[in-house]
Amino acid sequence: MIKHHPQPELLVSHANGDLPLSMAIAVSAHCALCETCREQLALLTEQAANSALNPDGAHAHAANHTDQESIHTAHIEAENTQATNVPVMDIDAMLAQIMAQPAATDVPSNAPLDVQVKQQHYTVPSVFRQHLARPWQILGKVSRMRFDVDEMNTRASLLHIDAQGEIPQHTHKGYELTLLLAGAFSDLNGDYVPGDFIVLDSQHHHSPKTVDGCLCYTVLDAPLHFTKGLSKLLNPIGELIY
């Protein structure tokens, strides 16, 4: 069962279209895997749409009531100034023209996608559709597909860890979001299943391990800081490898 979910503020921001691409992908993918958050997001999206379509509903209603006579007068004056030969829109002809257009052949599908890395196949949510053409970068048991999100220092990637793989113990100079897409991993904070949405920062140390392998979506806004063993030698070049 999924135990880690986006904060409510993230769902609200996503419904309002305010999240950067990297985080919007994460929230969308989580909601594809989590029925609870998917239902919450649908409700928030409906509320956001209603607000956008009628942002001043109550105020407009009051103004319409108090100014009804002025609006009616203005409408009559506008009608009197219109030319009498303005053509009337033929709704039936317009609809017929629309229906005569050829059917779209590239309608996006919401079906899950297949991702292959090191002869392993995984299924991921359709939100990744536009980002899976990039190459995998492989370092030992860890493989990464970097996405092009164009967000200054933010890095978004698919991260694959082979069976019996481990990320060396580290903390974070900024924040690290990990959305587990397939498989399982664990660290000193617990065990994780597909759909878990984990956000860590400089207050957390961990060393993720996986028994059978896993695929994650990760977002970082600063390099990892390794805290144990030979991996600390990577810290001086952290800006290049995160």
Protein backbone atom coordinates (compact mmCIF):
# COMPACT_ATOMS: atom_id res chain seq x y z
CA MET A 1 0.00 0.00 0.00
CA ILE A 2 1.23 3.50 -0.87
CA LYS A 3 2.22 5.34 2.32
CA HIS A 4 3.86 8.49 0.99
CA HIS A 5 1.82 11.08 -0.91
CA PRO A 6 2.30 14.65 -2.18
CA GLN A 7 1.45 17.38 0.29
CA PRO A 8 -2.06 18.85 -0.27
CA GLU A 9 -0.45 22.13 -1.34
CA LEU A 10 1.26 20.34 -4.21
CA LEU A 11 -2.03 18.88 -5.44
CA VAL A 12 -3.65 22.32 -5.32
CA SER A 13 -0.76 23.89 -7.23
CA HIS A 14 -0.89 21.12 -9.80
CA ALA A 15 -4.63 21.57 -10.31
CA ASN A 16 -4.04 25.30 -10.81
CA GLY A 17 -1.24 24.68 -13.32
CA ASP A 18 1.37 26.37 -11.13
CA LEU A 19 4.00 23.62 -10.81
CA PRO A 20 7.22 23.51 -12.84
CA LEU A 21 7.39 20.71 -15.37
CA SER A 22 9.64 18.44 -13.28
CA MET A 23 7.26 18.48 -10.31
CA ALA A 24 4.12 18.38 -12.47
CA ILE A 25 5.39 15.14 -14.02
CA ALA A 26 5.94 13.69 -10.56
CA VAL A 27 2.47 14.59 -9.28
CA SER A 28 0.77 13.35 -12.46
CA ALA A 29 2.66 10.05 -12.35
CA HIS A 30 1.88 9.57 -8.66
CA CYS A 31 -1.83 10.20 -9.29
CA ALA A 32 -1.77 7.63 -12.09
CA LEU A 33 -0.62 5.10 -9.48
CA CYS A 34 -2.63 6.33 -6.48
CA GLU A 35 -6.43 6.25 -6.64
CA THR A 36 -6.83 8.40 -3.52
CA CYS A 37 -4.75 11.29 -4.85
CA ARG A 38 -6.23 10.86 -8.34
CA GLU A 39 -9.72 11.45 -6.93
CA GLN A 40 -8.54 14.44 -4.89
CA LEU A 41 -6.84 15.94 -7.94
CA ALA A 42 -9.96 15.49 -10.07
CA LEU A 43 -11.99 17.42 -7.51
CA LEU A 44 -9.38 20.17 -7.21
CA THR A 45 -9.12 20.44 -10.99
CA GLU A 46 -12.89 20.84 -11.28
CA GLN A 47 -12.81 23.56 -8.63
CA ALA A 48 -9.96 25.34 -10.40
CA ALA A 49 -11.82 25.19 -13.72
CA ASN A 50 -14.99 26.61 -12.18
CA SER A 51 -12.99 29.39 -10.56
CA ALA A 52 -11.22 30.23 -13.82
CA LEU A 53 -14.47 30.32 -15.79
CA ASN A 54 -16.27 32.43 -13.21
CA PRO A 55 -13.64 34.15 -11.01
CA ASP A 56 -15.98 36.91 -9.81
CA GLY A 57 -19.25 35.02 -9.88
CA ALA A 58 -20.74 36.45 -6.73
CA HIS A 59 -19.54 39.97 -7.41
CA ALA A 60 -20.69 39.83 -11.01
CA HIS A 61 -24.12 38.62 -9.91
CA ALA A 62 -24.51 41.53 -7.50
CA ALA A 63 -23.28 44.03 -10.06
CA ASN A 64 -25.68 42.61 -12.63
CA HIS A 65 -28.57 42.99 -10.19
CA THR A 66 -27.81 46.58 -9.19
CA ASP A 67 -26.89 47.80 -12.67
CA GLN A 68 -29.57 45.97 -14.62
CA GLU A 69 -31.25 49.13 -15.83
CA SER A 70 -27.96 50.69 -17.05
CA ILE A 71 -26.97 47.52 -18.90
CA HIS A 72 -30.37 47.30 -20.55
CA THR A 73 -30.11 50.91 -21.70
CA ALA A 74 -26.60 50.37 -23.09
CA HIS A 75 -27.77 47.27 -24.94
CA ILE A 76 -30.59 49.20 -26.63
CA GLU A 77 -28.20 51.97 -27.65
CA ALA A 78 -25.77 49.45 -29.11
CA GLU A 79 -28.53 47.79 -31.11
CA ASN A 80 -29.57 51.15 -32.54
CA THR A 81 -26.07 51.80 -33.84
CA GLN A 82 -25.63 48.45 -35.56
CA ALA A 83 -25.95 48.15 -39.33
CA THR A 84 -29.10 46.39 -40.40
CA ASN A 85 -27.33 44.14 -42.91
CA VAL A 86 -25.01 42.28 -40.51
CA PRO A 87 -25.12 38.60 -41.59
CA VAL A 88 -26.43 36.03 -39.13
CA MET A 89 -24.04 33.17 -38.31
CA ASP A 90 -25.18 29.88 -39.82
CA ILE A 91 -24.62 27.50 -36.91
CA ASP A 92 -25.59 24.41 -38.91
CA ALA A 93 -23.08 25.24 -41.65
CA MET A 94 -20.34 25.88 -39.09
CA LEU A 95 -20.97 22.54 -37.36
CA ALA A 96 -21.05 20.73 -40.70
CA GLN A 97 -17.69 22.25 -41.60
CA ILE A 98 -16.19 21.15 -38.29
CA MET A 99 -17.53 17.60 -38.63
CA ALA A 100 -16.12 17.38 -42.16
CA GLN A 101 -12.57 17.82 -40.89
CA PRO A 102 -10.43 14.63 -41.05
CA ALA A 103 -10.17 12.67 -37.84
CA ALA A 104 -7.00 13.15 -35.83
CA THR A 105 -4.60 10.23 -36.16
CA ASP A 106 -2.20 11.12 -33.35
CA VAL A 107 -4.52 11.48 -30.38
CA PRO A 108 -2.42 10.98 -27.22
CA SER A 109 -3.17 7.80 -25.33
CA ASN A 110 -3.36 7.49 -21.57
CA ALA A 111 -2.21 3.88 -21.77
CA PRO A 112 0.89 3.01 -19.69
CA LEU A 113 4.21 2.92 -21.49
CA ASP A 114 6.90 0.26 -21.70
CA VAL A 115 10.43 1.25 -20.64
CA GLN A 116 13.40 -1.02 -21.22
CA VAL A 117 16.75 -0.77 -19.49
CA LYS A 118 19.38 -3.51 -19.30
CA GLN A 119 16.97 -6.11 -20.74
CA GLN A 120 14.46 -5.27 -18.01
CA HIS A 121 10.97 -4.08 -18.97
CA TYR A 122 8.92 -1.75 -16.80
CA THR A 123 5.52 -0.09 -17.18
CA VAL A 124 5.30 3.64 -16.42
CA PRO A 125 2.45 6.21 -16.57
CA SER A 126 1.70 7.95 -19.86
CA VAL A 127 2.88 11.34 -18.52
CA PHE A 128 6.42 10.24 -19.47
CA ARG A 129 5.50 9.83 -23.14
CA GLN A 130 7.35 12.94 -24.36
CA HIS A 131 10.54 12.21 -22.41
CA LEU A 132 11.58 8.63 -23.14
CA ALA A 133 13.65 9.16 -26.29
CA ARG A 134 16.79 10.18 -24.44
CA PRO A 135 19.68 7.73 -23.88
CA TRP A 136 20.48 5.88 -20.68
CA GLN A 137 23.70 6.77 -18.85
CA ILE A 138 25.05 3.71 -17.06
CA LEU A 139 27.43 3.59 -14.10
CA GLY A 140 27.70 0.13 -12.59
CA LYS A 141 24.36 -0.97 -11.18
CA VAL A 142 22.84 2.52 -11.59
CA SER A 143 21.37 3.81 -14.87
CA ARG A 144 19.91 7.27 -15.47
CA MET A 145 17.85 8.86 -18.24
CA ARG A 146 18.06 12.64 -17.86
CA PHE A 147 15.01 14.65 -18.95
CA ASP A 148 15.21 18.07 -20.56
CA VAL A 149 13.00 20.19 -18.28
CA ASP A 150 14.89 23.49 -18.69
CA GLU A 151 14.55 24.59 -15.06
CA MET A 152 17.87 26.21 -14.12
CA ASN A 153 19.55 23.90 -11.56
CA THR A 154 16.76 21.33 -11.33
CA ARG A 155 17.52 17.84 -12.65
CA ALA A 156 14.77 15.36 -13.50
CA SER A 157 15.57 11.76 -14.43
CA LEU A 158 14.45 8.19 -14.60
CA LEU A 159 16.73 6.24 -12.27
CA HIS A 160 17.15 2.47 -12.47
CA ILE A 161 18.99 0.40 -9.87
CA ASP A 162 19.88 -3.20 -10.67
CA ALA A 163 19.05 -6.07 -8.35
CA GLN A 164 21.22 -5.98 -5.22
CA GLY A 165 22.14 -2.38 -6.08
CA GLU A 166 22.65 0.48 -3.66
CA ILE A 167 23.15 4.26 -3.75
CA PRO A 168 25.98 5.20 -1.34
CA GLN A 169 24.96 6.93 1.87
CA HIS A 170 24.30 10.62 1.28
CA THR A 171 22.40 13.70 2.34
CA HIS A 172 21.10 16.54 0.20
CA LYS A 173 22.23 20.10 -0.43
CA GLY A 174 18.72 20.92 -1.66
CA TYR A 175 15.68 18.70 -1.97
CA GLU A 176 15.38 15.25 -3.50
CA LEU A 177 12.07 13.90 -4.74
CA THR A 178 11.86 10.19 -5.48
CA LEU A 179 8.75 8.63 -6.98
CA LEU A 180 9.00 4.85 -7.06
CA LEU A 181 7.52 3.61 -10.34
CA ALA A 182 8.29 -0.11 -10.27
CA GLY A 183 10.02 -2.62 -8.03
CA ALA A 184 10.90 -1.84 -4.43
CA PHE A 185 13.68 -0.31 -2.37
CA SER A 186 14.37 0.44 1.27
CA ASP A 187 16.49 2.74 3.41
CA LEU A 188 16.80 3.49 7.11
CA ASN A 189 13.46 5.33 6.93
CA GLY A 190 11.46 2.34 5.71
CA ASP A 191 10.38 0.20 2.77
CA TYR A 192 8.81 1.67 -0.37
CA VAL A 193 6.35 0.41 -2.98
CA PRO A 194 5.34 1.74 -6.42
CA GLY A 195 3.56 5.07 -6.08
CA ASP A 196 5.42 6.21 -2.95
CA PHE A 197 6.25 9.93 -3.26
CA ILE A 198 9.29 10.67 -1.07
CA VAL A 199 10.71 14.16 -0.51
CA LEU A 200 13.97 14.52 1.46
CA ASP A 201 16.27 17.44 2.25
CA SER A 202 19.45 18.26 4.17
CA GLN A 203 17.96 16.89 7.39
CA HIS A 204 17.91 13.36 5.99
CA HIS A 205 20.67 10.79 5.44
CA HIS A 206 19.97 7.55 3.62
CA SER A 207 21.38 4.81 1.41
CA PRO A 208 18.65 3.31 -0.80
CA LYS A 209 19.00 -0.43 -1.46
CA THR A 210 17.01 -2.76 -3.67
CA VAL A 211 16.86 -6.54 -3.66
CA ASP A 212 15.20 -7.19 -7.01
CA GLY A 213 15.81 -3.87 -8.77
CA CYS A 214 13.66 -0.76 -9.11
CA LEU A 215 12.79 2.13 -11.39
CA CYS A 216 12.24 5.63 -10.00
CA TYR A 217 11.57 9.16 -11.18
CA THR A 218 13.81 11.63 -9.36
CA VAL A 219 14.01 15.41 -9.11
CA LEU A 220 16.90 17.25 -7.46
CA ASP A 221 17.69 20.96 -7.27
CA ALA A 222 21.23 20.53 -5.91
CA PRO A 223 23.92 17.80 -5.84
CA LEU A 224 23.89 14.92 -3.40
CA HIS A 225 26.49 15.08 -0.64
CA PHE A 226 28.03 11.66 0.02
CA THR A 227 28.85 11.04 3.66
CA LYS A 228 30.53 7.64 3.89
CA GLY A 229 33.38 5.67 2.36
CA LEU A 230 35.06 6.21 -0.98
CA SER A 231 31.94 7.81 -2.42
CA LYS A 232 32.94 11.01 -0.57
CA LEU A 233 35.56 11.45 -3.28
CA LEU A 234 32.71 12.31 -5.64
CA ASN A 235 31.65 15.39 -3.66
CA PRO A 236 34.07 17.84 -5.36
CA ILE A 237 32.52 17.01 -8.75
CA GLY A 238 28.96 16.79 -7.50
CA GLU A 239 27.84 19.65 -9.75
CA LEU A 240 28.81 17.58 -12.79
CA ILE A 241 27.14 14.30 -11.91
CA TYR A 242 23.84 15.08 -10.21
